[in-house]
């Protein structure tokens, strides 16, 4: 069983990308496997949504930094289909 109580004590703004992603994964596991009250499930869901926003913003920021470094030569990491 995943634990999220101690992780939720830290402010989302203070989490690193890795910490936020790990907590999000933990919340998903808890919601999928544990029987929670509606109130607790909603609290976890809301925390998860905030973590998704945090991770998305961090990824967007990283992408912008990379674009500044390499300019227009940035290519997508898509696999070529044959």
C-alpha atoms as a PDB file:
ATOM      1  CA  UNK A   1       0.000   0.000   0.000  1.00  0.00           C
ATOM      2  CA  UNK A   2       1.382   3.416  -0.994  1.00  0.00           C
ATOM      3  CA  UNK A   3       1.607   6.166   1.569  1.00  0.00           C
ATOM      4  CA  UNK A   4       0.809   9.748   0.663  1.00  0.00           C
ATOM      5  CA  UNK A   5       0.180  11.389   4.023  1.00  0.00           C
ATOM      6  CA  UNK A   6       3.778  12.430   4.739  1.00  0.00           C
ATOM      7  CA  UNK A   7       4.328  13.553   1.156  1.00  0.00           C
ATOM      8  CA  UNK A   8       1.280  15.822   1.246  1.00  0.00           C
ATOM      9  CA  UNK A   9       2.756  17.773   4.150  1.00  0.00           C
ATOM     10  CA  UNK A  10       5.174  19.500   1.760  1.00  0.00           C
ATOM     11  CA  UNK A  11       3.903  22.408  -0.299  1.00  0.00           C
ATOM     12  CA  UNK A  12       3.597  21.629  -4.010  1.00  0.00           C
ATOM     13  CA  UNK A  13       5.654  24.716  -4.854  1.00  0.00           C
ATOM     14  CA  UNK A  14       8.525  23.321  -2.749  1.00  0.00           C
ATOM     15  CA  UNK A  15       8.586  19.951  -4.537  1.00  0.00           C
ATOM     16  CA  UNK A  16      11.094  19.129  -7.222  1.00  0.00           C
ATOM     17  CA  UNK A  17       9.796  17.660 -10.466  1.00  0.00           C
ATOM     18  CA  UNK A  18      10.927  14.195  -9.358  1.00  0.00           C
ATOM     19  CA  UNK A  19       9.240  14.518  -5.956  1.00  0.00           C
ATOM     20  CA  UNK A  20       6.009  15.756  -7.533  1.00  0.00           C
ATOM     21  CA  UNK A  21       5.972  12.922 -10.060  1.00  0.00           C
ATOM     22  CA  UNK A  22       6.685  10.312  -7.376  1.00  0.00           C
ATOM     23  CA  UNK A  23       3.875  11.667  -5.200  1.00  0.00           C
ATOM     24  CA  UNK A  24       1.516  11.716  -8.167  1.00  0.00           C
ATOM     25  CA  UNK A  25       2.332   8.073  -8.917  1.00  0.00           C
ATOM     26  CA  UNK A  26       1.707   7.238  -5.267  1.00  0.00           C
ATOM     27  CA  UNK A  27      -1.672   8.992  -5.307  1.00  0.00           C
ATOM     28  CA  UNK A  28      -2.713   7.121  -8.449  1.00  0.00           C
ATOM     29  CA  UNK A  29      -1.730   3.820  -6.834  1.00  0.00           C
ATOM     30  CA  UNK A  30      -3.699   4.624  -3.685  1.00  0.00           C
ATOM     31  CA  UNK A  31      -6.787   5.670  -5.631  1.00  0.00           C
ATOM     32  CA  UNK A  32      -6.620   2.518  -7.759  1.00  0.00           C
ATOM     33  CA  UNK A  33      -6.023   0.027  -4.962  1.00  0.00           C
ATOM     34  CA  UNK A  34      -7.337   1.359  -1.638  1.00  0.00           C
ATOM     35  CA  UNK A  35     -10.895   1.843  -0.544  1.00  0.00           C
ATOM     36  CA  UNK A  36     -11.130   5.518   0.427  1.00  0.00           C
ATOM     37  CA  UNK A  37     -13.999   7.653   1.601  1.00  0.00           C
ATOM     38  CA  UNK A  38     -15.365  10.051  -0.978  1.00  0.00           C
ATOM     39  CA  UNK A  39     -13.901  12.981   0.959  1.00  0.00           C
ATOM     40  CA  UNK A  40     -10.419  11.411   1.107  1.00  0.00           C
ATOM     41  CA  UNK A  41     -10.566  10.360  -2.565  1.00  0.00           C
ATOM     42  CA  UNK A  42     -11.522  13.908  -3.574  1.00  0.00           C
ATOM     43  CA  UNK A  43      -8.687  15.360  -1.479  1.00  0.00           C
ATOM     44  CA  UNK A  44      -6.196  13.030  -3.141  1.00  0.00           C
ATOM     45  CA  UNK A  45      -7.653  13.760  -6.578  1.00  0.00           C
ATOM     46  CA  UNK A  46      -7.333  17.520  -6.038  1.00  0.00           C
ATOM     47  CA  UNK A  47      -3.735  17.111  -4.843  1.00  0.00           C
ATOM     48  CA  UNK A  48      -3.046  14.961  -7.895  1.00  0.00           C
ATOM     49  CA  UNK A  49      -4.439  17.615 -10.228  1.00  0.00           C
ATOM     50  CA  UNK A  50      -2.187  20.240  -8.633  1.00  0.00           C
ATOM     51  CA  UNK A  51       0.798  17.900  -9.013  1.00  0.00           C
ATOM     52  CA  UNK A  52      -0.034  17.361 -12.701  1.00  0.00           C
ATOM     53  CA  UNK A  53      -0.072  21.128 -13.171  1.00  0.00           C
ATOM     54  CA  UNK A  54       3.299  21.446 -11.402  1.00  0.00           C
ATOM     55  CA  UNK A  55       4.902  18.689 -13.488  1.00  0.00           C
ATOM     56  CA  UNK A  56       3.491  20.137 -16.715  1.00  0.00           C
ATOM     57  CA  UNK A  57       4.849  23.576 -15.903  1.00  0.00           C
ATOM     58  CA  UNK A  58       8.283  22.141 -15.075  1.00  0.00           C
ATOM     59  CA  UNK A  59       8.380  20.215 -18.359  1.00  0.00           C
ATOM     60  CA  UNK A  60       7.285  23.256 -20.339  1.00  0.00           C
ATOM     61  CA  UNK A  61       9.967  25.350 -18.673  1.00  0.00           C
ATOM     62  CA  UNK A  62      12.607  22.740 -19.495  1.00  0.00           C
ATOM     63  CA  UNK A  63      11.444  22.617 -23.110  1.00  0.00           C
ATOM     64  CA  UNK A  64      11.696  26.412 -23.413  1.00  0.00           C
ATOM     65  CA  UNK A  65      15.231  26.361 -21.988  1.00  0.00           C
ATOM     66  CA  UNK A  66      16.240  23.678 -24.482  1.00  0.00           C
ATOM     67  CA  UNK A  67      14.720  25.656 -27.339  1.00  0.00           C
ATOM     68  CA  UNK A  68      16.751  28.711 -26.278  1.00  0.00           C
ATOM     69  CA  UNK A  69      19.920  26.618 -26.290  1.00  0.00           C
ATOM     70  CA  UNK A  70      19.446  24.838 -29.623  1.00  0.00           C
ATOM     71  CA  UNK A  71      17.200  27.332 -31.382  1.00  0.00           C
ATOM     72  CA  UNK A  72      15.135  26.176 -34.338  1.00  0.00           C
ATOM     73  CA  UNK A  73      17.159  22.999 -34.780  1.00  0.00           C
ATOM     74  CA  UNK A  74      15.119  21.268 -32.054  1.00  0.00           C
ATOM     75  CA  UNK A  75      13.711  17.994 -33.383  1.00  0.00           C
ATOM     76  CA  UNK A  76      10.967  15.811 -31.951  1.00  0.00           C
ATOM     77  CA  UNK A  77      11.932  12.477 -30.434  1.00  0.00           C
ATOM     78  CA  UNK A  78       9.359  10.572 -32.434  1.00  0.00           C
ATOM     79  CA  UNK A  79      10.169   7.142 -33.726  1.00  0.00           C
ATOM     80  CA  UNK A  80      10.248   6.888 -37.482  1.00  0.00           C
ATOM     81  CA  UNK A  81       7.750   4.412 -38.872  1.00  0.00           C
ATOM     82  CA  UNK A  82       8.848   2.203 -41.701  1.00  0.00           C
END
